[in-house]
Amino acid sequence: MAFTGFNAAGIDLLQLNRLQNNKEFYEAHKEEIKRLAIQPFYDLIADMTPAMLEIDPQFVVVPSRMVSRVRRDTRYTKDKTLYRANLWMFFRRPRRERESVPCYYFEVHPEYWGYGCWGAWGRGEMEALRTMILHEDRLFLDARRALDSCPQMLLSGECYKRPKFPDADPAVQDWLSRKEIGADFREYNDFSPILDGSFVQPMIENMQRLAPFYRFLLAAKERAEAGAREALQ
């Protein structure tokens, strides 16, 4: 089906399911959740896929492998709430279990909706990014120009309390001080674009503009992995 927007009833049902927080309620409304909350993500993926494969032909484009589950994995967290009220999807390359890979995402949350591009979670990846930044690598310069071309999107990621490179150019301090890095757009007030579907084309255009930022994140992962292999030799 062509994507025509998200269903407000589906968003509300996810919140109610989280508040109820019991298997009986979920099982009784499982098909309704699939139809009203999950299927729109599948339809959106189908509409986005041609444009996203132009960014990276290696993206996984099987919806069942791209959309988050309603049932939370509580094995590794103190929060034992069974169900989530938000859903998201990723465009990313195939990965090993629990492996972090650069990605584009879109999320619908009870308090906001948004999208962006993230990476540099893996071991050594931020170090590789910082090296590229400090050496003014072409990939970094392209990534910075790409982000500047999307004024609605902000550089994101938790920062260290103290600068990692206090003597570096102030213009790149915001990049150097991150523990991980991404670019985000978030809207907290106006949900109408996701209900009528009008957000899709602007989002795709921003994701395409961010392609150099995505390639910068990919390069960091590849260089970090290459460095790790060399260290073992």
Protein backbone atom coordinates (compact mmCIF):
# COMPACT_ATOMS: atom_id res chain seq x y z
CA MET A 1 0.00 0.00 0.00
CA ALA A 2 1.11 3.56 -0.65
CA PHE A 3 1.99 5.49 2.48
CA THR A 4 -0.65 8.10 3.35
CA GLY A 5 0.43 9.03 6.88
CA PHE A 6 0.38 7.58 10.37
CA ASN A 7 -2.84 6.83 12.18
CA ALA A 8 -3.48 8.83 15.36
CA ALA A 9 -5.42 5.86 16.73
CA GLY A 10 -2.35 3.68 16.25
CA ILE A 11 -0.14 6.12 18.17
CA ASP A 12 -2.70 6.27 20.97
CA LEU A 13 -2.99 2.48 21.06
CA LEU A 14 0.76 2.09 21.55
CA GLN A 15 0.61 4.42 24.55
CA LEU A 16 -2.37 2.57 26.02
CA ASN A 17 -0.62 -0.77 25.52
CA ARG A 18 2.43 0.52 27.39
CA LEU A 19 0.26 1.83 30.24
CA GLN A 20 -1.60 -1.48 30.52
CA ASN A 21 1.76 -3.29 30.42
CA ASN A 22 0.39 -6.83 30.40
CA LYS A 23 0.46 -9.67 27.91
CA GLU A 24 -3.30 -10.20 27.97
CA PHE A 25 -4.03 -6.66 26.74
CA TYR A 26 -1.31 -6.90 24.08
CA GLU A 27 -2.52 -10.24 22.75
CA ALA A 28 -6.09 -8.96 22.60
CA HIS A 29 -5.01 -5.92 20.54
CA LYS A 30 -2.05 -7.41 18.66
CA GLU A 31 -3.66 -7.41 15.21
CA GLU A 32 -4.98 -3.89 15.70
CA ILE A 33 -1.50 -2.70 16.70
CA LYS A 34 -0.03 -4.33 13.58
CA ARG A 35 -2.63 -2.70 11.33
CA LEU A 36 -2.71 0.78 12.86
CA ALA A 37 0.85 1.25 14.16
CA ILE A 38 3.25 -1.11 12.37
CA GLN A 39 1.84 -1.36 8.84
CA PRO A 40 2.29 2.40 8.21
CA PHE A 41 6.02 1.93 8.85
CA TYR A 42 6.09 -0.86 6.27
CA ASP A 43 4.30 1.36 3.75
CA LEU A 44 6.69 4.22 4.46
CA ILE A 45 9.69 1.95 3.93
CA ALA A 46 8.34 0.88 0.55
CA ASP A 47 7.98 4.51 -0.52
CA MET A 48 11.43 5.48 0.73
CA THR A 49 13.42 2.49 -0.50
CA PRO A 50 14.27 3.61 -4.07
CA ALA A 51 15.71 6.93 -2.84
CA MET A 52 17.54 5.35 0.09
CA LEU A 53 19.18 2.69 -2.09
CA GLU A 54 20.65 5.51 -4.14
CA ILE A 55 22.47 6.59 -0.96
CA ASP A 56 23.68 3.07 -0.16
CA PRO A 57 22.77 0.02 -2.28
CA GLN A 58 23.79 -2.19 0.65
CA PHE A 59 20.92 -1.06 2.90
CA VAL A 60 18.68 -3.81 4.27
CA VAL A 61 15.21 -3.10 2.88
CA VAL A 62 13.17 -5.94 4.43
CA PRO A 63 10.62 -4.16 6.67
CA SER A 64 10.48 -6.92 9.29
CA ARG A 65 14.22 -6.39 9.87
CA MET A 66 13.98 -2.60 9.95
CA VAL A 67 11.16 -1.71 12.34
CA SER A 68 11.52 -1.86 16.12
CA ARG A 69 9.45 -4.35 18.08
CA VAL A 70 6.60 -3.35 20.35
CA ARG A 71 7.78 -5.89 22.93
CA ARG A 72 10.88 -4.58 24.69
CA ASP A 73 14.00 -6.65 25.35
CA THR A 74 14.30 -6.26 29.14
CA ARG A 75 17.27 -8.60 29.63
CA TYR A 76 19.88 -5.85 29.77
CA THR A 77 18.02 -2.96 31.38
CA LYS A 78 16.69 -2.02 34.81
CA ASP A 79 13.45 -0.81 33.18
CA LYS A 80 11.31 -3.94 33.01
CA THR A 81 8.35 -2.30 31.24
CA LEU A 82 7.18 -4.91 28.73
CA TYR A 83 6.06 -2.69 25.86
CA ARG A 84 7.16 0.52 24.21
CA ALA A 85 5.03 3.50 23.23
CA ASN A 86 7.41 4.62 20.47
CA LEU A 87 8.40 2.88 17.26
CA TRP A 88 11.25 3.53 14.87
CA MET A 89 12.86 2.16 11.75
CA PHE A 90 16.43 2.01 10.45
CA PHE A 91 18.02 2.08 7.04
CA ARG A 92 21.38 0.41 7.61
CA ARG A 93 23.66 -2.28 6.20
CA PRO A 94 23.49 -5.93 7.35
CA ARG A 95 25.10 -6.41 10.73
CA ARG A 96 26.11 -9.04 13.24
CA GLU A 97 24.02 -9.39 16.39
CA ARG A 98 24.43 -6.31 18.60
CA GLU A 99 26.91 -4.79 16.13
CA SER A 100 26.57 -1.03 15.71
CA VAL A 101 26.58 0.27 12.16
CA PRO A 102 25.90 3.79 10.81
CA CYS A 103 22.25 4.29 10.02
CA TYR A 104 19.43 6.58 9.05
CA TYR A 105 16.38 6.44 11.29
CA PHE A 106 12.82 7.69 11.60
CA GLU A 107 10.92 7.61 14.91
CA VAL A 108 7.41 8.28 16.17
CA HIS A 109 7.28 8.94 19.92
CA PRO A 110 4.34 10.10 22.07
CA GLU A 111 6.20 13.37 22.73
CA TYR A 112 7.83 13.98 19.34
CA TRP A 113 8.63 12.63 15.91
CA GLY A 114 11.95 12.88 14.17
CA TYR A 115 14.65 11.44 11.96
CA GLY A 116 18.36 11.59 11.43
CA CYS A 117 21.65 9.86 10.76
CA TRP A 118 23.85 8.31 13.45
CA GLY A 119 27.02 6.31 13.96
CA ALA A 120 30.39 6.04 15.74
CA TRP A 121 29.17 3.82 18.58
CA GLY A 122 31.74 1.08 17.98
CA ARG A 123 35.14 0.79 19.56
CA GLY A 124 37.65 3.19 18.08
CA GLU A 125 35.19 4.90 15.75
CA MET A 126 35.15 8.30 17.45
CA GLU A 127 38.94 8.22 17.59
CA ALA A 128 38.98 7.63 13.84
CA LEU A 129 36.49 10.48 13.33
CA ARG A 130 38.57 12.86 15.44
CA THR A 131 41.67 12.02 13.42
CA MET A 132 39.81 12.87 10.21
CA ILE A 133 38.50 16.10 11.75
CA LEU A 134 41.90 17.24 13.02
CA HIS A 135 43.52 16.49 9.66
CA GLU A 136 40.72 18.21 7.75
CA ASP A 137 40.08 15.05 5.79
CA ARG A 138 37.95 15.60 2.71
CA LEU A 139 35.29 13.25 4.09
CA PHE A 140 34.93 15.43 7.17
CA LEU A 141 34.78 18.65 5.17
CA ASP A 142 32.09 17.14 2.96
CA ALA A 143 30.17 15.94 6.03
CA ARG A 144 30.25 19.38 7.63
CA ARG A 145 29.03 21.04 4.42
CA ALA A 146 26.26 18.45 4.17
CA LEU A 147 25.04 19.17 7.69
CA ASP A 148 25.22 22.91 7.05
CA SER A 149 22.92 22.35 4.05
CA CYS A 150 20.24 20.98 6.43
CA PRO A 151 19.62 23.88 8.83
CA GLN A 152 16.67 22.09 10.43
CA MET A 153 19.01 19.35 11.65
CA LEU A 154 21.36 19.60 14.60
CA LEU A 155 24.62 17.87 15.41
CA SER A 156 23.86 15.52 18.31
CA GLY A 157 25.50 13.13 20.73
CA GLU A 158 26.51 13.24 24.38
CA CYS A 159 29.51 15.48 25.00
CA TYR A 160 32.43 15.08 27.38
CA LYS A 161 32.48 17.56 30.24
CA ARG A 162 35.90 18.79 29.13
CA PRO A 163 37.16 19.37 25.57
CA LYS A 164 39.14 16.46 24.15
CA PHE A 165 41.33 18.84 22.13
CA PRO A 166 41.14 22.28 23.79
CA ASP A 167 43.68 23.79 21.39
CA ALA A 168 41.82 22.73 18.25
CA ASP A 169 39.90 25.13 16.02
CA PRO A 170 36.80 26.35 17.91
CA ALA A 171 34.78 25.73 14.74
CA VAL A 172 35.21 21.95 15.15
CA GLN A 173 35.04 21.67 18.95
CA ASP A 174 31.39 20.64 18.78
CA TRP A 175 32.41 17.68 16.60
CA LEU A 176 35.48 16.67 18.61
CA SER A 177 33.80 16.61 22.02
CA ARG A 178 31.16 13.97 21.28
CA LYS A 179 31.11 10.48 22.77
CA GLU A 180 29.09 9.37 19.73
CA ILE A 181 27.75 11.48 16.91
CA GLY A 182 24.66 12.02 14.82
CA ALA A 183 22.45 14.58 13.15
CA ASP A 184 18.83 14.91 14.28
CA PHE A 185 15.59 16.62 13.33
CA ARG A 186 12.88 16.55 16.01
CA GLU A 187 9.43 18.11 16.16
CA TYR A 188 7.67 18.32 19.52
CA ASN A 189 4.62 20.44 18.73
CA ASP A 190 3.22 19.80 15.25
CA PHE A 191 2.27 16.19 14.55
CA SER A 192 0.17 17.01 11.50
CA PRO A 193 2.97 16.25 8.97
CA ILE A 194 3.22 12.64 10.11
CA LEU A 195 -0.56 12.25 10.15
CA ASP A 196 -1.04 13.54 6.61
CA GLY A 197 2.26 12.20 5.24
CA SER A 198 3.61 15.58 4.14
CA PHE A 199 6.87 15.04 6.04
CA VAL A 200 8.09 12.29 3.71
CA GLN A 201 9.54 14.26 0.80
CA PRO A 202 11.34 16.87 2.97
CA MET A 203 12.75 14.05 5.09
CA ILE A 204 14.04 12.13 2.06
CA GLU A 205 15.60 15.29 0.65
CA ASN A 206 17.41 15.95 3.94
CA MET A 207 18.58 12.34 4.12
CA GLN A 208 19.97 12.63 0.60
CA ARG A 209 21.76 15.87 1.50
CA LEU A 210 23.25 14.09 4.50
CA ALA A 211 24.79 11.33 2.37
CA PRO A 212 28.34 12.75 2.86
CA PHE A 213 27.75 12.76 6.63
CA TYR A 214 26.69 9.10 6.40
CA ARG A 215 29.78 8.25 4.35
CA PHE A 216 31.93 10.00 6.98
CA LEU A 217 30.44 7.69 9.63
CA LEU A 218 31.01 4.65 7.42
CA ALA A 219 34.65 5.64 6.90
CA ALA A 220 35.18 5.92 10.66
CA LYS A 221 33.86 2.40 11.19
CA GLU A 222 36.01 1.01 8.38
CA ARG A 223 39.15 2.76 9.64
CA ALA A 224 38.54 1.68 13.22
CA GLU A 225 38.13 -1.93 12.12
CA ALA A 226 41.27 -1.74 9.97
CA GLY A 227 43.21 -0.35 12.93
CA ALA A 228 41.97 -3.16 15.16
CA ARG A 229 43.07 -5.78 12.61
CA GLU A 230 46.52 -4.24 12.34
CA ALA A 231 46.87 -4.25 16.13
CA LEU A 232 46.31 -8.02 16.16
CA GLN A 233 48.98 -8.74 13.55
